[in-house]
Amino acid sequence: MIITRAPFRVSFCGGGSDLPSFYERYGGCVLSTSIRKYMYLTLHKYFYEDQIVLKYSQTETVHSFSEIKHRIFKQCLTDFGIRGIEISSMADIPAGTGLGSSSSFTVALLHLLYTYIGQYVSKYKLAKEACDVEIKKLVEPIGKQDQFAAAFGGLKFYEFMANGFVNVEPIIMCKESYEKLENNLKMFYLGGIHSASEILKEQSDNIRLDEKAMVQKKMCSITRTLKEELQKNNVDAMGDLLHENWMLKKSLASGISNSMIDDVYERAIKAGAMGGKLLGAGGAGFMIFYVKEDKQVDLKKALSDLREMDFEMDNAGASIIHIDKDFL
């Protein structure tokens, strides 16, 4: 058996600038962290060498790649030409909740298949090929940040060049600043799932308009400022910049926010949160807030109707966590 995992991510600022419709014209940047919540994939040889068994929210047993219903499984297994295996997926958090689960799945699957055929693959290649699968081959109207966050892990600044190259830069802070950042970030589950593709398609179309492109440029400027402030160990800058980024992001597409999300945000700010945002494309899922320690009890009371999720930053990225000697 082989087991791989890839982390989910929390995007702080700059989301949307990783869409080709924007970065190919202006360049883009995102600051995010991976978290200690994971997508797991396991693979072992199946008894029947001419069949493929896939287990996720459904179970598929097929003889040919064309029979596979799951689009990412179908594309990757067709590309690799592998049969006679059984693959199962498990996740710490449901899909469609704004933490980049689809890309975490793709990265973990590619890592699994490369390991199975005995090939080492770099984190950059994993991220790039996951982008190719989702954006080019499956024509999903999404950006590149999730694939790179899942592959590299950690607190990183990602810069998306007009030519398609992605520069990956770690955020360097002292140990106390990392701990303060973790302690002051609080995540709450709103419930529901969203269609990231629909929201991102509208956002991608809108970014082609000069007015919306200007908003996205401002978000990139905020992202660069956040990077600089964190590297100066000014962790509290996260609060105000998250707020400024969220106010801008809401204007990019109609499905990003709604009355329920706006109500939760307003309650959090009144309770003492300095800033926050909805995670992912919009509409549902998780919200994150930056709140100083002396206001955290007040925040939890104000949002007592929501489920809080523990927040810890991951630094490993995509990993092989088990491999039997039979595969070596």
C-alpha atoms as a PDB file:
ATOM      1  CA  MET A   1       0.000   0.000   0.000  1.00  0.00           C
ATOM      2  CA  ILE A   2       1.008   3.591  -0.680  1.00  0.00           C
ATOM      3  CA  ILE A   3      -0.542   6.519   1.197  1.00  0.00           C
ATOM      4  CA  THR A   4      -0.104  10.153   0.207  1.00  0.00           C
ATOM      5  CA  ARG A   5      -1.623  13.300   1.637  1.00  0.00           C
ATOM      6  CA  ALA A   6      -1.887  16.957   0.673  1.00  0.00           C
ATOM      7  CA  PRO A   7      -2.964  19.790   2.982  1.00  0.00           C
ATOM      8  CA  PHE A   8      -5.907  22.137   2.636  1.00  0.00           C
ATOM      9  CA  ARG A   9      -5.149  25.831   2.505  1.00  0.00           C
ATOM     10  CA  VAL A  10      -6.284  29.147   3.942  1.00  0.00           C
ATOM     11  CA  SER A  11      -5.870  32.063   1.539  1.00  0.00           C
ATOM     12  CA  PHE A  12      -5.439  35.446   3.222  1.00  0.00           C
ATOM     13  CA  CYS A  13      -5.088  38.028   0.461  1.00  0.00           C
ATOM     14  CA  GLY A  14      -4.895  38.291  -3.319  1.00  0.00           C
ATOM     15  CA  GLY A  15      -7.335  35.546  -4.311  1.00  0.00           C
ATOM     16  CA  GLY A  16      -8.500  35.970  -7.906  1.00  0.00           C
ATOM     17  CA  SER A  17      -5.197  37.342  -9.162  1.00  0.00           C
ATOM     18  CA  ASP A  18      -4.176  33.706  -9.797  1.00  0.00           C
ATOM     19  CA  LEU A  19      -6.794  33.466 -12.564  1.00  0.00           C
ATOM     20  CA  PRO A  20      -5.231  33.455 -16.061  1.00  0.00           C
ATOM     21  CA  SER A  21      -7.565  36.256 -17.176  1.00  0.00           C
ATOM     22  CA  PHE A  22      -5.795  38.519 -14.665  1.00  0.00           C
ATOM     23  CA  TYR A  23      -2.189  37.369 -14.210  1.00  0.00           C
ATOM     24  CA  GLU A  24      -1.553  37.012 -17.949  1.00  0.00           C
ATOM     25  CA  ARG A  25      -2.232  40.746 -18.267  1.00  0.00           C
ATOM     26  CA  TYR A  26      -0.995  42.174 -14.977  1.00  0.00           C
ATOM     27  CA  GLY A  27       0.751  39.477 -12.951  1.00  0.00           C
ATOM     28  CA  GLY A  28      -0.749  38.409  -9.630  1.00  0.00           C
ATOM     29  CA  CYS A  29       0.094  37.361  -6.087  1.00  0.00           C
ATOM     30  CA  VAL A  30      -1.482  35.503  -3.162  1.00  0.00           C
ATOM     31  CA  LEU A  31      -0.433  35.039   0.447  1.00  0.00           C
ATOM     32  CA  SER A  32      -1.710  31.843   2.048  1.00  0.00           C
ATOM     33  CA  THR A  33      -0.897  29.038   4.447  1.00  0.00           C
ATOM     34  CA  SER A  34      -1.586  25.334   4.370  1.00  0.00           C
ATOM     35  CA  ILE A  35      -3.236  23.906   7.485  1.00  0.00           C
ATOM     36  CA  ARG A  36      -3.109  20.630   9.388  1.00  0.00           C
ATOM     37  CA  LYS A  37      -6.221  19.297   7.698  1.00  0.00           C
ATOM     38  CA  TYR A  38      -5.554  16.883   4.841  1.00  0.00           C
ATOM     39  CA  MET A  39      -6.728  14.966   1.816  1.00  0.00           C
ATOM     40  CA  TYR A  40      -5.520  11.338   2.003  1.00  0.00           C
ATOM     41  CA  LEU A  41      -5.262   8.876  -0.874  1.00  0.00           C
ATOM     42  CA  THR A  42      -4.342   5.202  -0.627  1.00  0.00           C
ATOM     43  CA  LEU A  43      -3.400   2.820  -3.416  1.00  0.00           C
ATOM     44  CA  HIS A  44      -2.822  -0.911  -3.513  1.00  0.00           C
ATOM     45  CA  LYS A  45      -2.727  -3.547  -6.220  1.00  0.00           C
ATOM     46  CA  TYR A  46      -6.112  -4.998  -7.057  1.00  0.00           C
ATOM     47  CA  PHE A  47      -6.765  -8.751  -7.445  1.00  0.00           C
ATOM     48  CA  TYR A  48      -8.000  -8.337 -11.042  1.00  0.00           C
ATOM     49  CA  GLU A  49      -5.251  -6.778 -13.135  1.00  0.00           C
ATOM     50  CA  ASP A  50      -7.654  -5.584 -15.863  1.00  0.00           C
ATOM     51  CA  GLN A  51      -9.879  -3.598 -13.482  1.00  0.00           C
ATOM     52  CA  ILE A  52      -9.743  -0.316 -11.570  1.00  0.00           C
ATOM     53  CA  VAL A  53     -11.567   0.248  -8.259  1.00  0.00           C
ATOM     54  CA  LEU A  54     -12.089   3.827  -7.056  1.00  0.00           C
ATOM     55  CA  LYS A  55     -13.584   4.679  -3.665  1.00  0.00           C
ATOM     56  CA  TYR A  56     -14.580   8.237  -2.751  1.00  0.00           C
ATOM     57  CA  SER A  57     -18.142   9.398  -1.967  1.00  0.00           C
ATOM     58  CA  GLN A  58     -19.061   6.683  -4.465  1.00  0.00           C
ATOM     59  CA  THR A  59     -17.461   3.376  -5.466  1.00  0.00           C
ATOM     60  CA  GLU A  60     -16.560   2.662  -9.079  1.00  0.00           C
ATOM     61  CA  THR A  61     -15.332  -0.644 -10.498  1.00  0.00           C
ATOM     62  CA  VAL A  62     -14.397  -0.290 -14.162  1.00  0.00           C
ATOM     63  CA  HIS A  63     -12.497  -2.081 -16.906  1.00  0.00           C
ATOM     64  CA  SER A  64     -11.585   0.945 -19.029  1.00  0.00           C
ATOM     65  CA  PHE A  65     -10.604   4.555 -18.361  1.00  0.00           C
ATOM     66  CA  SER A  66     -13.550   5.800 -20.434  1.00  0.00           C
ATOM     67  CA  GLU A  67     -15.978   4.265 -17.913  1.00  0.00           C
ATOM     68  CA  ILE A  68     -14.666   6.351 -14.985  1.00  0.00           C
ATOM     69  CA  LYS A  69     -17.156   8.984 -13.827  1.00  0.00           C
ATOM     70  CA  HIS A  70     -14.918  10.985 -11.461  1.00  0.00           C
ATOM     71  CA  ARG A  71     -13.331  13.578 -13.760  1.00  0.00           C
ATOM     72  CA  ILE A  72      -9.974  13.970 -11.978  1.00  0.00           C
ATOM     73  CA  PHE A  73      -9.512  10.218 -11.492  1.00  0.00           C
ATOM     74  CA  LYS A  74     -10.428   9.682 -15.134  1.00  0.00           C
ATOM     75  CA  GLN A  75      -7.967  12.260 -16.470  1.00  0.00           C
ATOM     76  CA  CYS A  76      -5.009  11.241 -14.305  1.00  0.00           C
ATOM     77  CA  LEU A  77      -5.428   7.484 -14.706  1.00  0.00           C
ATOM     78  CA  THR A  78      -5.831   7.917 -18.464  1.00  0.00           C
ATOM     79  CA  ASP A  79      -2.639  10.003 -18.555  1.00  0.00           C
ATOM     80  CA  PHE A  80      -0.675   7.405 -16.557  1.00  0.00           C
ATOM     81  CA  GLY A  81      -2.296   4.337 -18.181  1.00  0.00           C
ATOM     82  CA  ILE A  82      -2.465   2.421 -14.917  1.00  0.00           C
ATOM     83  CA  ARG A  83      -4.852  -0.509 -14.287  1.00  0.00           C
ATOM     84  CA  GLY A  84      -5.081  -3.276 -11.720  1.00  0.00           C
ATOM     85  CA  ILE A  85      -5.211  -0.907  -8.746  1.00  0.00           C
ATOM     86  CA  GLU A  86      -7.634   0.200  -6.053  1.00  0.00           C
ATOM     87  CA  ILE A  87      -7.554   3.842  -4.865  1.00  0.00           C
ATOM     88  CA  SER A  88      -9.477   5.239  -1.899  1.00  0.00           C
ATOM     89  CA  SER A  89      -9.782   8.873  -0.807  1.00  0.00           C
ATOM     90  CA  MET A  90     -10.482  10.329   2.640  1.00  0.00           C
ATOM     91  CA  ALA A  91     -10.524  13.915   3.867  1.00  0.00           C
ATOM     92  CA  ASP A  92     -10.540  15.769   7.176  1.00  0.00           C
ATOM     93  CA  ILE A  93     -12.980  18.367   5.799  1.00  0.00           C
ATOM     94  CA  PRO A  94     -15.834  18.056   3.257  1.00  0.00           C
ATOM     95  CA  ALA A  95     -15.391  19.284  -0.305  1.00  0.00           C
ATOM     96  CA  GLY A  96     -16.878  22.605  -1.393  1.00  0.00           C
ATOM     97  CA  THR A  97     -16.089  24.466   1.827  1.00  0.00           C
ATOM     98  CA  GLY A  98     -13.492  26.918   0.507  1.00  0.00           C
ATOM     99  CA  LEU A  99     -10.247  25.225   1.536  1.00  0.00           C
ATOM    100  CA  GLY A 100      -9.022  24.085  -1.882  1.00  0.00           C
ATOM    101  CA  SER A 101     -10.037  20.427  -1.547  1.00  0.00           C
ATOM    102  CA  SER A 102     -10.221  19.724  -5.290  1.00  0.00           C
ATOM    103  CA  SER A 103      -6.620  20.776  -5.865  1.00  0.00           C
ATOM    104  CA  SER A 104      -5.442  18.974  -2.717  1.00  0.00           C
ATOM    105  CA  PHE A 105      -7.048  15.843  -4.187  1.00  0.00           C
ATOM    106  CA  THR A 106      -5.334  16.339  -7.564  1.00  0.00           C
ATOM    107  CA  VAL A 107      -1.912  16.955  -6.012  1.00  0.00           C
ATOM    108  CA  ALA A 108      -2.204  13.928  -3.696  1.00  0.00           C
ATOM    109  CA  LEU A 109      -3.369  11.737  -6.608  1.00  0.00           C
ATOM    110  CA  LEU A 110      -0.484  12.751  -8.873  1.00  0.00           C
ATOM    111  CA  HIS A 111       1.959  12.133  -6.024  1.00  0.00           C
ATOM    112  CA  LEU A 112       0.394   8.701  -5.495  1.00  0.00           C
ATOM    113  CA  LEU A 113       0.619   7.686  -9.155  1.00  0.00           C
ATOM    114  CA  TYR A 114       4.192   8.927  -9.599  1.00  0.00           C
ATOM    115  CA  THR A 115       5.206   7.003  -6.471  1.00  0.00           C
ATOM    116  CA  TYR A 116       3.487   3.867  -7.788  1.00  0.00           C
ATOM    117  CA  ILE A 117       5.503   3.953 -11.027  1.00  0.00           C
ATOM    118  CA  GLY A 118       8.693   4.674  -9.081  1.00  0.00           C
ATOM    119  CA  GLN A 119       9.323   8.246 -10.181  1.00  0.00           C
ATOM    120  CA  TYR A 120      10.457  11.071  -7.911  1.00  0.00           C
ATOM    121  CA  VAL A 121       8.613  14.312  -8.586  1.00  0.00           C
ATOM    122  CA  SER A 122       9.391  17.777  -7.211  1.00  0.00           C
ATOM    123  CA  LYS A 123       6.813  19.906  -5.419  1.00  0.00           C
ATOM    124  CA  TYR A 124       6.905  22.410  -8.280  1.00  0.00           C
ATOM    125  CA  LYS A 125       6.221  19.700 -10.857  1.00  0.00           C
ATOM    126  CA  LEU A 126       3.349  18.348  -8.733  1.00  0.00           C
ATOM    127  CA  ALA A 127       1.785  21.808  -8.544  1.00  0.00           C
ATOM    128  CA  LYS A 128       2.325  22.582 -12.221  1.00  0.00           C
ATOM    129  CA  GLU A 129       0.882  19.259 -13.401  1.00  0.00           C
ATOM    130  CA  ALA A 130      -2.100  19.620 -11.070  1.00  0.00           C
ATOM    131  CA  CYS A 131      -2.740  23.022 -12.699  1.00  0.00           C
ATOM    132  CA  ASP A 132      -2.486  21.416 -16.131  1.00  0.00           C
ATOM    133  CA  VAL A 133      -5.003  18.711 -15.169  1.00  0.00           C
ATOM    134  CA  GLU A 134      -7.581  21.062 -13.658  1.00  0.00           C
ATOM    135  CA  ILE A 135      -7.201  24.195 -15.778  1.00  0.00           C
ATOM    136  CA  LYS A 136      -6.011  22.994 -19.190  1.00  0.00           C
ATOM    137  CA  LYS A 137      -7.347  19.448 -19.524  1.00  0.00           C
ATOM    138  CA  LEU A 138     -10.568  19.658 -17.495  1.00  0.00           C
ATOM    139  CA  VAL A 139     -11.080  23.349 -18.378  1.00  0.00           C
ATOM    140  CA  GLU A 140     -12.086  24.360 -14.862  1.00  0.00           C
ATOM    141  CA  PRO A 141     -12.330  28.183 -14.546  1.00  0.00           C
ATOM    142  CA  ILE A 142     -10.031  28.237 -11.514  1.00  0.00           C
ATOM    143  CA  GLY A 143      -6.668  29.711 -10.583  1.00  0.00           C
ATOM    144  CA  LYS A 144      -3.282  28.297  -9.577  1.00  0.00           C
ATOM    145  CA  GLN A 145      -2.975  29.122  -5.896  1.00  0.00           C
ATOM    146  CA  ASP A 146      -4.623  25.973  -4.487  1.00  0.00           C
ATOM    147  CA  GLN A 147      -2.393  23.532  -6.359  1.00  0.00           C
ATOM    148  CA  PHE A 148       0.788  25.319  -5.259  1.00  0.00           C
ATOM    149  CA  ALA A 149      -0.371  25.612  -1.646  1.00  0.00           C
ATOM    150  CA  ALA A 150      -1.219  21.887  -1.556  1.00  0.00           C
ATOM    151  CA  ALA A 151       2.136  20.908  -3.054  1.00  0.00           C
ATOM    152  CA  PHE A 152       4.481  23.277  -1.180  1.00  0.00           C
ATOM    153  CA  GLY A 153       2.680  23.800   2.132  1.00  0.00           C
ATOM    154  CA  GLY A 154       3.588  26.392   4.733  1.00  0.00           C
ATOM    155  CA  LEU A 155       3.044  30.147   5.006  1.00  0.00           C
ATOM    156  CA  LYS A 156       3.982  31.361   1.533  1.00  0.00           C
ATOM    157  CA  PHE A 157       3.808  34.283  -0.880  1.00  0.00           C
ATOM    158  CA  TYR A 158       2.998  33.093  -4.421  1.00  0.00           C
ATOM    159  CA  GLU A 159       3.673  35.375  -7.369  1.00  0.00           C
ATOM    160  CA  PHE A 160       1.992  34.519 -10.676  1.00  0.00           C
ATOM    161  CA  MET A 161       3.979  35.753 -13.668  1.00  0.00           C
ATOM    162  CA  ALA A 162       2.402  36.716 -16.980  1.00  0.00           C
ATOM    163  CA  ASN A 163       4.319  33.881 -18.701  1.00  0.00           C
ATOM    164  CA  GLY A 164       2.767  31.268 -16.375  1.00  0.00           C
ATOM    165  CA  PHE A 165       5.730  30.769 -14.023  1.00  0.00           C
ATOM    166  CA  VAL A 166       4.919  30.811 -10.301  1.00  0.00           C
ATOM    167  CA  ASN A 167       7.473  32.163  -7.837  1.00  0.00           C
ATOM    168  CA  VAL A 168       7.191  30.606  -4.372  1.00  0.00           C
ATOM    169  CA  GLU A 169       8.584  32.574  -1.426  1.00  0.00           C
ATOM    170  CA  PRO A 170       8.315  31.556   2.248  1.00  0.00           C
ATOM    171  CA  ILE A 171       7.283  34.168   4.814  1.00  0.00           C
ATOM    172  CA  ILE A 172      10.103  34.371   7.342  1.00  0.00           C
ATOM    173  CA  MET A 173       9.145  35.445  10.858  1.00  0.00           C
ATOM    174  CA  CYS A 174      10.434  34.733  14.352  1.00  0.00           C
ATOM    175  CA  LYS A 175       8.965  31.752  16.223  1.00  0.00           C
ATOM    176  CA  GLU A 176       6.897  33.986  18.512  1.00  0.00           C
ATOM    177  CA  SER A 177       5.262  35.679  15.522  1.00  0.00           C
ATOM    178  CA  TYR A 178       4.211  32.360  13.990  1.00  0.00           C
ATOM    179  CA  GLU A 179       2.696  31.357  17.315  1.00  0.00           C
ATOM    180  CA  LYS A 180       0.914  34.694  17.670  1.00  0.00           C
ATOM    181  CA  LEU A 181      -0.494  34.409  14.144  1.00  0.00           C
ATOM    182  CA  GLU A 182      -1.819  30.893  14.816  1.00  0.00           C
ATOM    183  CA  ASN A 183      -3.299  31.950  18.148  1.00  0.00           C
ATOM    184  CA  ASN A 184      -5.044  35.056  16.775  1.00  0.00           C
ATOM    185  CA  LEU A 185      -6.608  33.418  13.716  1.00  0.00           C
ATOM    186  CA  LYS A 186     -10.003  31.882  14.445  1.00  0.00           C
ATOM    187  CA  MET A 187     -11.962  29.821  11.924  1.00  0.00           C
ATOM    188  CA  PHE A 188     -15.712  29.181  11.935  1.00  0.00           C
ATOM    189  CA  TYR A 189     -17.847  26.875   9.796  1.00  0.00           C
ATOM    190  CA  LEU A 190     -20.891  28.475   8.211  1.00  0.00           C
ATOM    191  CA  GLY A 191     -22.207  25.234   6.754  1.00  0.00           C
ATOM    192  CA  GLY A 192     -23.220  24.512   3.200  1.00  0.00           C
ATOM    193  CA  ILE A 193     -21.159  24.007   0.079  1.00  0.00           C
ATOM    194  CA  HIS A 194     -20.525  26.271  -2.880  1.00  0.00           C
ATOM    195  CA  SER A 195     -19.820  25.900  -6.579  1.00  0.00           C
ATOM    196  CA  ALA A 196     -16.388  27.496  -6.869  1.00  0.00           C
ATOM    197  CA  SER A 197     -16.409  27.056 -10.639  1.00  0.00           C
ATOM    198  CA  GLU A 198     -19.533  29.171 -11.167  1.00  0.00           C
ATOM    199  CA  ILE A 199     -18.337  32.005  -8.908  1.00  0.00           C
ATOM    200  CA  LEU A 200     -14.815  31.975 -10.322  1.00  0.00           C
ATOM    201  CA  LYS A 201     -16.109  31.988 -13.902  1.00  0.00           C
ATOM    202  CA  GLU A 202     -18.084  35.162 -13.168  1.00  0.00           C
ATOM    203  CA  GLN A 203     -15.082  36.653 -11.369  1.00  0.00           C
ATOM    204  CA  SER A 204     -12.779  35.750 -14.259  1.00  0.00           C
ATOM    205  CA  ASP A 205     -15.152  37.352 -16.758  1.00  0.00           C
ATOM    206  CA  ASN A 206     -15.520  40.467 -14.591  1.00  0.00           C
ATOM    207  CA  ILE A 207     -11.753  40.903 -14.202  1.00  0.00           C
ATOM    208  CA  ARG A 208     -11.579  41.610 -17.925  1.00  0.00           C
ATOM    209  CA  LEU A 209     -13.450  44.849 -17.179  1.00  0.00           C
ATOM    210  CA  ASP A 210     -11.121  47.735 -16.319  1.00  0.00           C
ATOM    211  CA  GLU A 211     -13.089  48.672 -13.182  1.00  0.00           C
ATOM    212  CA  LYS A 212     -12.869  45.154 -11.718  1.00  0.00           C
ATOM    213  CA  ALA A 213      -9.244  44.792 -12.772  1.00  0.00           C
ATOM    214  CA  MET A 214      -8.431  47.906 -10.734  1.00  0.00           C
ATOM    215  CA  VAL A 215     -10.038  46.299  -7.665  1.00  0.00           C
ATOM    216  CA  GLN A 216      -7.946  43.159  -8.176  1.00  0.00           C
ATOM    217  CA  LYS A 217      -4.789  45.271  -8.549  1.00  0.00           C
ATOM    218  CA  LYS A 218      -5.551  46.901  -5.187  1.00  0.00           C
ATOM    219  CA  MET A 219      -5.903  43.437  -3.656  1.00  0.00           C
ATOM    220  CA  CYS A 220      -2.454  42.525  -4.994  1.00  0.00           C
ATOM    221  CA  SER A 221      -1.044  45.693  -3.441  1.00  0.00           C
ATOM    222  CA  ILE A 222      -2.590  44.715  -0.093  1.00  0.00           C
ATOM    223  CA  THR A 223      -1.043  41.240  -0.452  1.00  0.00           C
ATOM    224  CA  ARG A 224       2.444  42.670  -0.976  1.00  0.00           C
ATOM    225  CA  THR A 225       1.971  44.969   2.026  1.00  0.00           C
ATOM    226  CA  LEU A 226       0.916  42.013   4.183  1.00  0.00           C
ATOM    227  CA  LYS A 227       4.008  40.083   3.117  1.00  0.00           C
ATOM    228  CA  GLU A 228       6.257  43.000   4.125  1.00  0.00           C
ATOM    229  CA  GLU A 229       4.505  43.550   7.461  1.00  0.00           C
ATOM    230  CA  LEU A 230       4.616  39.878   8.445  1.00  0.00           C
ATOM    231  CA  GLN A 231       8.324  39.711   7.630  1.00  0.00           C
ATOM    232  CA  LYS A 232       8.775  42.695   9.976  1.00  0.00           C
ATOM    233  CA  ASN A 233       6.977  40.568  12.611  1.00  0.00           C
ATOM    234  CA  ASN A 234       4.065  43.019  12.615  1.00  0.00           C
ATOM    235  CA  VAL A 235       1.487  40.239  12.937  1.00  0.00           C
ATOM    236  CA  ASP A 236      -1.375  42.578  13.909  1.00  0.00           C
ATOM    237  CA  ALA A 237      -1.265  44.059  10.393  1.00  0.00           C
ATOM    238  CA  MET A 238      -3.092  40.884   9.343  1.00  0.00           C
ATOM    239  CA  GLY A 239      -6.357  42.174  10.855  1.00  0.00           C
ATOM    240  CA  ASP A 240      -6.702  45.489   9.019  1.00  0.00           C
ATOM    241  CA  LEU A 241      -5.397  44.076   5.742  1.00  0.00           C
ATOM    242  CA  LEU A 242      -7.767  41.103   5.850  1.00  0.00           C
ATOM    243  CA  HIS A 243     -10.643  43.557   6.332  1.00  0.00           C
ATOM    244  CA  GLU A 244      -9.525  45.770   3.450  1.00  0.00           C
ATOM    245  CA  ASN A 245      -9.040  42.760   1.169  1.00  0.00           C
ATOM    246  CA  TRP A 246     -12.496  41.334   2.018  1.00  0.00           C
ATOM    247  CA  MET A 247     -14.269  44.627   1.331  1.00  0.00           C
ATOM    248  CA  LEU A 248     -12.689  44.664  -2.124  1.00  0.00           C
ATOM    249  CA  LYS A 249     -13.197  40.956  -2.858  1.00  0.00           C
ATOM    250  CA  LYS A 250     -16.956  41.144  -2.238  1.00  0.00           C
ATOM    251  CA  SER A 251     -17.320  43.496  -5.206  1.00  0.00           C
ATOM    252  CA  LEU A 252     -15.722  41.125  -7.739  1.00  0.00           C
ATOM    253  CA  ALA A 253     -18.662  38.713  -8.261  1.00  0.00           C
ATOM    254  CA  SER A 254     -22.263  38.458  -7.109  1.00  0.00           C
ATOM    255  CA  GLY A 255     -21.945  35.044  -5.432  1.00  0.00           C
ATOM    256  CA  ILE A 256     -18.983  35.819  -3.179  1.00  0.00           C
ATOM    257  CA  SER A 257     -21.034  37.083  -0.229  1.00  0.00           C
ATOM    258  CA  ASN A 258     -24.671  37.098   0.901  1.00  0.00           C
ATOM    259  CA  SER A 259     -26.788  38.457   3.757  1.00  0.00           C
ATOM    260  CA  MET A 260     -25.913  35.570   6.092  1.00  0.00           C
ATOM    261  CA  ILE A 261     -22.175  35.973   5.516  1.00  0.00           C
ATOM    262  CA  ASP A 262     -22.423  39.754   5.938  1.00  0.00           C
ATOM    263  CA  ASP A 263     -24.290  39.257   9.235  1.00  0.00           C
ATOM    264  CA  VAL A 264     -21.627  36.892  10.595  1.00  0.00           C
ATOM    265  CA  TYR A 265     -18.887  39.301   9.572  1.00  0.00           C
ATOM    266  CA  GLU A 266     -20.612  42.270  11.217  1.00  0.00           C
ATOM    267  CA  ARG A 267     -21.131  40.333  14.460  1.00  0.00           C
ATOM    268  CA  ALA A 268     -17.457  39.334  14.504  1.00  0.00           C
ATOM    269  CA  ILE A 269     -16.220  42.900  13.976  1.00  0.00           C
ATOM    270  CA  LYS A 270     -18.526  44.227  16.713  1.00  0.00           C
ATOM    271  CA  ALA A 271     -17.165  41.560  19.060  1.00  0.00           C
ATOM    272  CA  GLY A 272     -13.587  42.745  18.518  1.00  0.00           C
ATOM    273  CA  ALA A 273     -12.230  40.984  15.436  1.00  0.00           C
ATOM    274  CA  MET A 274      -9.883  43.296  13.538  1.00  0.00           C
ATOM    275  CA  GLY A 275     -10.708  41.748  10.186  1.00  0.00           C
ATOM    276  CA  GLY A 276     -11.607  38.554   8.408  1.00  0.00           C
ATOM    277  CA  LYS A 277     -12.885  36.982   5.220  1.00  0.00           C
ATOM    278  CA  LEU A 278     -14.752  34.096   3.718  1.00  0.00           C
ATOM    279  CA  LEU A 279     -12.404  31.347   2.558  1.00  0.00           C
ATOM    280  CA  GLY A 280     -12.521  30.115  -1.009  1.00  0.00           C
ATOM    281  CA  ALA A 281     -14.489  31.416  -3.967  1.00  0.00           C
ATOM    282  CA  GLY A 282     -17.515  32.465  -1.919  1.00  0.00           C
ATOM    283  CA  GLY A 283     -21.080  31.681  -0.911  1.00  0.00           C
ATOM    284  CA  ALA A 284     -20.520  29.113   1.872  1.00  0.00           C
ATOM    285  CA  GLY A 285     -17.939  27.191   3.864  1.00  0.00           C
ATOM    286  CA  PHE A 286     -15.543  28.702   6.405  1.00  0.00           C
ATOM    287  CA  MET A 287     -14.813  32.231   7.594  1.00  0.00           C
ATOM    288  CA  ILE A 288     -11.576  33.231   9.266  1.00  0.00           C
ATOM    289  CA  PHE A 289     -11.005  36.179  11.599  1.00  0.00           C
ATOM    290  CA  TYR A 290      -7.968  37.855  13.108  1.00  0.00           C
ATOM    291  CA  VAL A 291      -8.718  38.727  16.732  1.00  0.00           C
ATOM    292  CA  LYS A 292      -6.388  39.644  19.585  1.00  0.00           C
ATOM    293  CA  GLU A 293      -6.290  37.330  22.575  1.00  0.00           C
ATOM    294  CA  ASP A 294      -8.218  39.630  24.921  1.00  0.00           C
ATOM    295  CA  LYS A 295     -11.208  39.690  22.513  1.00  0.00           C
ATOM    296  CA  GLN A 296     -11.356  35.995  21.648  1.00  0.00           C
ATOM    297  CA  VAL A 297     -13.908  35.046  24.310  1.00  0.00           C
ATOM    298  CA  ASP A 298     -16.189  37.835  23.080  1.00  0.00           C
ATOM    299  CA  LEU A 299     -15.828  36.608  19.487  1.00  0.00           C
ATOM    300  CA  LYS A 300     -16.725  33.033  20.422  1.00  0.00           C
ATOM    301  CA  LYS A 301     -19.823  34.255  22.276  1.00  0.00           C
ATOM    302  CA  ALA A 302     -20.897  36.400  19.321  1.00  0.00           C
ATOM    303  CA  LEU A 303     -20.524  33.428  16.957  1.00  0.00           C
ATOM    304  CA  SER A 304     -21.743  30.735  19.347  1.00  0.00           C
ATOM    305  CA  ASP A 305     -24.216  29.520  16.709  1.00  0.00           C
ATOM    306  CA  LEU A 306     -21.307  28.497  14.477  1.00  0.00           C
ATOM    307  CA  ARG A 307     -18.863  25.631  14.794  1.00  0.00           C
ATOM    308  CA  GLU A 308     -15.290  26.728  15.515  1.00  0.00           C
ATOM    309  CA  MET A 309     -12.487  24.727  13.909  1.00  0.00           C
ATOM    310  CA  ASP A 310      -9.030  24.514  15.487  1.00  0.00           C
ATOM    311  CA  PHE A 311      -6.415  26.289  13.391  1.00  0.00           C
ATOM    312  CA  GLU A 312      -2.832  25.098  13.003  1.00  0.00           C
ATOM    313  CA  MET A 313      -0.452  25.836  10.156  1.00  0.00           C
ATOM    314  CA  ASP A 314       1.093  22.955   8.198  1.00  0.00           C
ATOM    315  CA  ASN A 315       4.624  23.201   6.856  1.00  0.00           C
ATOM    316  CA  ALA A 316       5.054  19.894   5.017  1.00  0.00           C
ATOM    317  CA  GLY A 317       2.978  20.217   1.851  1.00  0.00           C
ATOM    318  CA  ALA A 318       2.334  17.108  -0.220  1.00  0.00           C
ATOM    319  CA  SER A 319       3.834  14.037   1.470  1.00  0.00           C
ATOM    320  CA  ILE A 320       4.208  10.281   1.137  1.00  0.00           C
ATOM    321  CA  ILE A 321       3.214   9.043   4.588  1.00  0.00           C
ATOM    322  CA  HIS A 322       3.404   5.293   3.972  1.00  0.00           C
ATOM    323  CA  ILE A 323       4.866   2.957   1.378  1.00  0.00           C
ATOM    324  CA  ASP A 324       5.263  -0.819   1.599  1.00  0.00           C
ATOM    325  CA  LYS A 325       8.590  -2.363   0.648  1.00  0.00           C
ATOM    326  CA  ASP A 326       6.839  -4.212  -2.215  1.00  0.00           C
ATOM    327  CA  PHE A 327       6.603  -0.897  -4.084  1.00  0.00           C
ATOM    328  CA  LEU A 328      10.269   0.048  -3.656  1.00  0.00           C
END
